[in-house]
Amino acid sequence: MSRSRAPIAGRWSDALCGLRWCPPHVFKALANAARRFLLDLLFVRDGRTLIELESELEMTRIGVMKHLRVLEDAGLVVTRRSGREKLHFLNPVPIRLIYDRWIDKYRQRRTSELANLKSRLEAKG
């Protein structure tokens, strides 16, 4: 007899993987340097074809396709057909959601601590 677990408040859980993007998949996709490079290429110019992306990497077409599939599965890249071509576009939303959830809150705390330290040091001096 198996029980389903309720999502734990404030944590990433399997329940979030029902969304279009799944945080563990996003982290996995971003862990590879070649995939980050593909995202950088799409950031510079969106709507690139596989051939355009392949020409920027020292990798086979199949290798680039596999990396693009991981990025698509993570929701970081979306595609659109234009005639016979498949165009790839950057979707920055999952990265922004991770930034808002994980990075921004720590940055705000550190910034306020540094401002307080500055004020205390100026008051002493």
N, C-alpha and C. Protein backbone atom coordinates (compact mmCIF):
# COMPACT_ATOMS: atom_id res chain seq x y z
N MET A 1 0.85 -1.17 0.00
CA MET A 1 0.00 0.00 0.00
C MET A 1 0.90 1.24 0.00
N SER A 2 0.77 2.05 -1.02
CA SER A 2 1.61 3.25 -1.09
C SER A 2 0.77 4.49 -0.80
N ARG A 3 1.39 5.40 -0.13
CA ARG A 3 0.73 6.67 0.18
C ARG A 3 1.37 7.77 -0.62
N SER A 4 0.59 8.72 -1.04
CA SER A 4 1.18 9.87 -1.72
C SER A 4 1.55 10.90 -0.66
N ARG A 5 2.67 11.51 -0.88
CA ARG A 5 3.14 12.52 0.07
C ARG A 5 2.60 13.88 -0.30
N ALA A 6 2.27 14.64 0.69
CA ALA A 6 1.86 16.03 0.46
C ALA A 6 3.12 16.87 0.27
N PRO A 7 3.05 17.89 -0.57
CA PRO A 7 4.23 18.74 -0.74
C PRO A 7 4.62 19.41 0.57
N ILE A 8 5.89 19.52 0.81
CA ILE A 8 6.40 20.18 2.01
C ILE A 8 6.47 21.67 1.73
N ALA A 9 5.85 22.46 2.57
CA ALA A 9 5.81 23.90 2.36
C ALA A 9 7.22 24.48 2.37
N GLY A 10 7.48 25.34 1.40
CA GLY A 10 8.75 26.03 1.36
C GLY A 10 9.89 25.24 0.73
N ARG A 11 9.64 24.02 0.25
CA ARG A 11 10.68 23.21 -0.37
C ARG A 11 10.25 22.82 -1.77
N TRP A 12 11.26 22.56 -2.62
CA TRP A 12 10.94 22.01 -3.94
C TRP A 12 10.47 20.58 -3.68
N SER A 13 9.45 20.18 -4.35
CA SER A 13 8.97 18.82 -4.16
C SER A 13 8.56 18.25 -5.51
N ASP A 14 8.25 16.98 -5.49
CA ASP A 14 7.80 16.33 -6.72
C ASP A 14 6.51 16.95 -7.24
N ALA A 15 5.76 17.57 -6.37
CA ALA A 15 4.51 18.21 -6.80
C ALA A 15 4.79 19.33 -7.78
N LEU A 16 5.94 20.01 -7.64
CA LEU A 16 6.29 21.10 -8.56
C LEU A 16 6.64 20.58 -9.94
N CYS A 17 6.99 19.31 -10.05
CA CYS A 17 7.39 18.76 -11.34
C CYS A 17 6.19 18.59 -12.26
N GLY A 18 5.00 18.83 -11.76
CA GLY A 18 3.83 18.84 -12.62
C GLY A 18 3.73 20.11 -13.44
N LEU A 19 4.54 21.11 -13.09
CA LEU A 19 4.56 22.37 -13.83
C LEU A 19 5.27 22.17 -15.16
N ARG A 20 5.25 23.18 -16.00
CA ARG A 20 5.95 23.11 -17.29
C ARG A 20 7.45 22.93 -17.07
N TRP A 21 7.97 23.48 -15.99
CA TRP A 21 9.39 23.33 -15.67
C TRP A 21 9.50 22.68 -14.30
N CYS A 22 10.57 21.99 -14.10
CA CYS A 22 10.80 21.29 -12.84
C CYS A 22 12.16 21.71 -12.31
N PRO A 23 12.24 22.31 -11.13
CA PRO A 23 13.52 22.82 -10.63
C PRO A 23 14.69 21.84 -10.71
N PRO A 24 14.53 20.56 -10.31
CA PRO A 24 15.67 19.65 -10.45
C PRO A 24 16.12 19.50 -11.90
N HIS A 25 15.18 19.51 -12.84
CA HIS A 25 15.54 19.40 -14.25
C HIS A 25 16.26 20.66 -14.73
N VAL A 26 15.86 21.80 -14.22
CA VAL A 26 16.52 23.06 -14.59
C VAL A 26 17.95 23.06 -14.08
N PHE A 27 18.14 22.65 -12.82
CA PHE A 27 19.49 22.60 -12.27
C PHE A 27 20.36 21.61 -13.05
N LYS A 28 19.79 20.46 -13.40
CA LYS A 28 20.53 19.46 -14.18
C LYS A 28 20.91 20.04 -15.54
N ALA A 29 19.99 20.73 -16.18
CA ALA A 29 20.27 21.31 -17.50
C ALA A 29 21.36 22.37 -17.41
N LEU A 30 21.35 23.17 -16.36
CA LEU A 30 22.33 24.23 -16.20
C LEU A 30 23.69 23.72 -15.73
N ALA A 31 23.76 22.47 -15.29
CA ALA A 31 25.01 21.92 -14.78
C ALA A 31 26.03 21.65 -15.88
N ASN A 32 25.60 21.61 -17.13
CA ASN A 32 26.51 21.29 -18.23
C ASN A 32 26.96 22.55 -18.95
N ALA A 33 28.28 22.68 -19.18
CA ALA A 33 28.83 23.88 -19.82
C ALA A 33 28.35 24.05 -21.26
N ALA A 34 28.19 22.97 -21.99
CA ALA A 34 27.73 23.07 -23.38
C ALA A 34 26.29 23.60 -23.42
N ARG A 35 25.46 23.16 -22.50
CA ARG A 35 24.08 23.64 -22.47
C ARG A 35 24.02 25.10 -22.05
N ARG A 36 24.87 25.50 -21.11
CA ARG A 36 24.91 26.92 -20.74
C ARG A 36 25.37 27.76 -21.92
N PHE A 37 26.31 27.24 -22.71
CA PHE A 37 26.78 27.95 -23.89
C PHE A 37 25.64 28.09 -24.92
N LEU A 38 24.85 27.04 -25.10
CA LEU A 38 23.70 27.13 -26.00
C LEU A 38 22.73 28.21 -25.53
N LEU A 39 22.49 28.27 -24.22
CA LEU A 39 21.60 29.31 -23.68
C LEU A 39 22.18 30.70 -23.92
N ASP A 40 23.51 30.83 -23.78
CA ASP A 40 24.16 32.12 -24.05
C ASP A 40 24.00 32.52 -25.51
N LEU A 41 24.12 31.55 -26.41
CA LEU A 41 23.93 31.84 -27.84
C LEU A 41 22.50 32.32 -28.12
N LEU A 42 21.53 31.67 -27.49
CA LEU A 42 20.14 32.07 -27.69
C LEU A 42 19.84 33.40 -27.01
N PHE A 43 20.56 33.72 -25.95
CA PHE A 43 20.40 35.02 -25.31
C PHE A 43 20.86 36.13 -26.25
N VAL A 44 21.98 35.90 -26.94
CA VAL A 44 22.51 36.89 -27.87
C VAL A 44 21.56 37.08 -29.05
N ARG A 45 21.06 35.96 -29.58
CA ARG A 45 20.13 36.05 -30.71
C ARG A 45 19.19 34.86 -30.66
N ASP A 46 17.94 35.14 -30.39
CA ASP A 46 16.90 34.12 -30.32
C ASP A 46 16.51 33.64 -31.71
N GLY A 47 15.85 32.50 -31.75
CA GLY A 47 15.29 31.99 -33.00
C GLY A 47 16.31 31.35 -33.92
N ARG A 48 17.28 30.65 -33.34
CA ARG A 48 18.32 30.01 -34.15
C ARG A 48 17.91 28.59 -34.53
N THR A 49 18.42 28.16 -35.68
CA THR A 49 18.18 26.80 -36.13
C THR A 49 19.24 25.87 -35.53
N LEU A 50 19.01 24.58 -35.66
CA LEU A 50 19.98 23.59 -35.20
C LEU A 50 21.32 23.78 -35.91
N ILE A 51 21.28 24.05 -37.19
CA ILE A 51 22.52 24.23 -37.97
C ILE A 51 23.31 25.42 -37.44
N GLU A 52 22.62 26.52 -37.13
CA GLU A 52 23.30 27.70 -36.59
C GLU A 52 23.94 27.40 -35.24
N LEU A 53 23.22 26.70 -34.40
CA LEU A 53 23.74 26.37 -33.07
C LEU A 53 24.90 25.38 -33.17
N GLU A 54 24.75 24.42 -34.05
CA GLU A 54 25.80 23.41 -34.24
C GLU A 54 27.10 24.04 -34.72
N SER A 55 27.00 25.06 -35.56
CA SER A 55 28.20 25.69 -36.11
C SER A 55 29.03 26.40 -35.03
N GLU A 56 28.42 26.71 -33.90
CA GLU A 56 29.11 27.40 -32.81
C GLU A 56 29.79 26.44 -31.83
N LEU A 57 29.47 25.15 -31.93
CA LEU A 57 30.02 24.16 -31.00
C LEU A 57 30.87 23.13 -31.74
N GLU A 58 31.89 22.64 -31.09
CA GLU A 58 32.69 21.56 -31.64
C GLU A 58 32.08 20.24 -31.17
N MET A 59 30.94 19.92 -31.79
CA MET A 59 30.16 18.77 -31.36
C MET A 59 29.32 18.31 -32.55
N THR A 60 28.96 17.06 -32.57
CA THR A 60 28.14 16.55 -33.67
C THR A 60 26.73 17.11 -33.57
N ARG A 61 26.02 17.03 -34.66
CA ARG A 61 24.63 17.48 -34.68
C ARG A 61 23.80 16.70 -33.67
N ILE A 62 24.04 15.40 -33.59
CA ILE A 62 23.30 14.56 -32.64
C ILE A 62 23.57 15.02 -31.21
N GLY A 63 24.82 15.37 -30.90
CA GLY A 63 25.16 15.86 -29.57
C GLY A 63 24.43 17.15 -29.24
N VAL A 64 24.39 18.07 -30.20
CA VAL A 64 23.68 19.34 -29.99
C VAL A 64 22.19 19.07 -29.80
N MET A 65 21.64 18.15 -30.60
CA MET A 65 20.22 17.82 -30.47
C MET A 65 19.90 17.26 -29.08
N LYS A 66 20.79 16.41 -28.56
CA LYS A 66 20.56 15.85 -27.22
C LYS A 66 20.59 16.94 -26.15
N HIS A 67 21.54 17.87 -26.27
CA HIS A 67 21.60 18.97 -25.31
C HIS A 67 20.36 19.85 -25.41
N LEU A 68 19.92 20.13 -26.63
CA LEU A 68 18.71 20.94 -26.81
C LEU A 68 17.48 20.24 -26.22
N ARG A 69 17.42 18.91 -26.34
CA ARG A 69 16.30 18.16 -25.77
C ARG A 69 16.27 18.31 -24.25
N VAL A 70 17.43 18.25 -23.61
CA VAL A 70 17.49 18.42 -22.15
C VAL A 70 17.01 19.83 -21.78
N LEU A 71 17.45 20.82 -22.55
CA LEU A 71 17.02 22.21 -22.29
C LEU A 71 15.53 22.38 -22.52
N GLU A 72 14.99 21.72 -23.55
CA GLU A 72 13.55 21.78 -23.79
C GLU A 72 12.78 21.11 -22.66
N ASP A 73 13.24 19.93 -22.25
CA ASP A 73 12.56 19.21 -21.16
C ASP A 73 12.56 20.01 -19.86
N ALA A 74 13.59 20.83 -19.66
CA ALA A 74 13.66 21.67 -18.46
C ALA A 74 12.87 22.97 -18.63
N GLY A 75 12.35 23.22 -19.83
CA GLY A 75 11.57 24.43 -20.07
C GLY A 75 12.42 25.65 -20.36
N LEU A 76 13.73 25.46 -20.54
CA LEU A 76 14.63 26.58 -20.79
C LEU A 76 14.68 27.00 -22.26
N VAL A 77 14.29 26.11 -23.14
CA VAL A 77 14.25 26.39 -24.57
C VAL A 77 12.88 25.96 -25.09
N VAL A 78 12.30 26.81 -25.91
CA VAL A 78 11.05 26.48 -26.59
C VAL A 78 11.33 26.53 -28.09
N THR A 79 10.55 25.76 -28.83
CA THR A 79 10.78 25.71 -30.27
C THR A 79 9.52 26.09 -31.03
N ARG A 80 9.75 26.50 -32.27
CA ARG A 80 8.65 26.83 -33.16
C ARG A 80 9.08 26.44 -34.57
N ARG A 81 8.18 25.83 -35.28
CA ARG A 81 8.47 25.46 -36.67
C ARG A 81 8.19 26.64 -37.57
N SER A 82 9.11 26.84 -38.51
CA SER A 82 8.95 27.86 -39.54
C SER A 82 9.28 27.18 -40.87
N GLY A 83 8.26 26.71 -41.53
CA GLY A 83 8.48 25.92 -42.74
C GLY A 83 9.14 24.61 -42.37
N ARG A 84 10.29 24.35 -42.97
CA ARG A 84 11.01 23.11 -42.68
C ARG A 84 12.00 23.27 -41.52
N GLU A 85 12.17 24.48 -41.04
CA GLU A 85 13.14 24.73 -39.97
C GLU A 85 12.47 24.73 -38.61
N LYS A 86 13.23 24.32 -37.64
CA LYS A 86 12.79 24.37 -36.25
C LYS A 86 13.63 25.44 -35.56
N LEU A 87 12.98 26.49 -35.10
CA LEU A 87 13.67 27.60 -34.46
C LEU A 87 13.66 27.41 -32.94
N HIS A 88 14.78 27.72 -32.31
CA HIS A 88 14.94 27.56 -30.86
C HIS A 88 14.99 28.93 -30.20
N PHE A 89 14.23 29.07 -29.13
CA PHE A 89 14.13 30.33 -28.40
C PHE A 89 14.41 30.11 -26.93
N LEU A 90 15.08 31.06 -26.31
CA LEU A 90 15.37 31.02 -24.89
C LEU A 90 14.09 31.34 -24.11
N ASN A 91 13.82 30.57 -23.08
CA ASN A 91 12.74 30.85 -22.14
C ASN A 91 13.39 31.13 -20.79
N PRO A 92 13.54 32.41 -20.42
CA PRO A 92 14.24 32.74 -19.18
C PRO A 92 13.40 32.58 -17.91
N VAL A 93 12.14 32.23 -18.04
CA VAL A 93 11.26 32.17 -16.86
C VAL A 93 11.76 31.19 -15.80
N PRO A 94 12.13 29.95 -16.15
CA PRO A 94 12.60 29.04 -15.08
C PRO A 94 13.83 29.58 -14.35
N ILE A 95 14.74 30.23 -15.07
CA ILE A 95 15.93 30.79 -14.42
C ILE A 95 15.52 31.92 -13.49
N ARG A 96 14.59 32.74 -13.92
CA ARG A 96 14.12 33.85 -13.08
C ARG A 96 13.43 33.33 -11.82
N LEU A 97 12.63 32.27 -11.96
CA LEU A 97 11.95 31.71 -10.80
C LEU A 97 12.96 31.14 -9.80
N ILE A 98 14.01 30.51 -10.29
CA ILE A 98 15.06 30.01 -9.40
C ILE A 98 15.78 31.19 -8.75
N TYR A 99 16.05 32.22 -9.53
CA TYR A 99 16.70 33.42 -8.98
C TYR A 99 15.85 34.01 -7.86
N ASP A 100 14.56 34.17 -8.13
CA ASP A 100 13.67 34.74 -7.11
C ASP A 100 13.61 33.88 -5.86
N ARG A 101 13.59 32.56 -6.05
CA ARG A 101 13.44 31.63 -4.93
C ARG A 101 14.73 31.46 -4.13
N TRP A 102 15.86 31.37 -4.81
CA TRP A 102 17.09 30.99 -4.14
C TRP A 102 18.12 32.11 -4.00
N ILE A 103 18.31 32.90 -5.00
CA ILE A 103 19.41 33.86 -5.01
C ILE A 103 19.02 35.20 -4.43
N ASP A 104 17.90 35.73 -4.87
CA ASP A 104 17.50 37.08 -4.48
C ASP A 104 17.34 37.23 -2.97
N LYS A 105 16.75 36.23 -2.33
CA LYS A 105 16.52 36.37 -0.89
C LYS A 105 17.84 36.41 -0.11
N TYR A 106 18.84 35.68 -0.57
CA TYR A 106 20.14 35.72 0.12
C TYR A 106 20.89 37.00 -0.19
N ARG A 107 20.74 37.49 -1.40
CA ARG A 107 21.40 38.73 -1.79
C ARG A 107 20.86 39.89 -0.97
N GLN A 108 19.56 39.97 -0.78
CA GLN A 108 18.96 41.06 -0.02
C GLN A 108 19.48 41.06 1.42
N ARG A 109 19.56 39.91 2.02
CA ARG A 109 20.03 39.82 3.41
C ARG A 109 21.48 40.27 3.50
N ARG A 110 22.30 39.81 2.59
CA ARG A 110 23.72 40.16 2.61
C ARG A 110 23.89 41.66 2.36
N THR A 111 23.13 42.22 1.46
CA THR A 111 23.23 43.64 1.16
C THR A 111 22.87 44.47 2.38
N SER A 112 21.81 44.10 3.07
CA SER A 112 21.43 44.87 4.26
C SER A 112 22.46 44.71 5.36
N GLU A 113 23.06 43.52 5.49
CA GLU A 113 24.10 43.33 6.50
C GLU A 113 25.32 44.19 6.18
N LEU A 114 25.70 44.28 4.92
CA LEU A 114 26.84 45.12 4.54
C LEU A 114 26.54 46.60 4.78
N ALA A 115 25.30 47.02 4.51
CA ALA A 115 24.93 48.42 4.77
C ALA A 115 24.99 48.72 6.26
N ASN A 116 24.53 47.77 7.09
CA ASN A 116 24.60 47.96 8.55
C ASN A 116 26.04 48.02 9.02
N LEU A 117 26.89 47.16 8.49
CA LEU A 117 28.31 47.17 8.84
C LEU A 117 28.95 48.50 8.46
N LYS A 118 28.65 48.98 7.30
CA LYS A 118 29.17 50.28 6.84
C LYS A 118 28.76 51.39 7.81
N SER A 119 27.49 51.39 8.20
CA SER A 119 27.00 52.43 9.12
C SER A 119 27.70 52.35 10.47
N ARG A 120 27.89 51.13 10.98
CA ARG A 120 28.57 50.97 12.28
C ARG A 120 30.03 51.42 12.19
N LEU A 121 30.70 51.08 11.11
CA LEU A 121 32.09 51.48 10.96
C LEU A 121 32.24 52.99 10.82
N GLU A 122 31.32 53.61 10.09
CA GLU A 122 31.36 55.06 9.95
C GLU A 122 31.06 55.76 11.27
N ALA A 123 30.18 55.16 12.09
CA ALA A 123 29.86 55.75 13.38
C ALA A 123 31.04 55.69 14.34
N LYS A 124 31.85 54.65 14.24
CA LYS A 124 33.05 54.51 15.09
C LYS A 124 34.15 55.46 14.66
N GLY A 125 34.28 55.67 13.37
CA GLY A 125 35.40 56.43 12.82
C GLY A 125 35.18 57.88 12.82
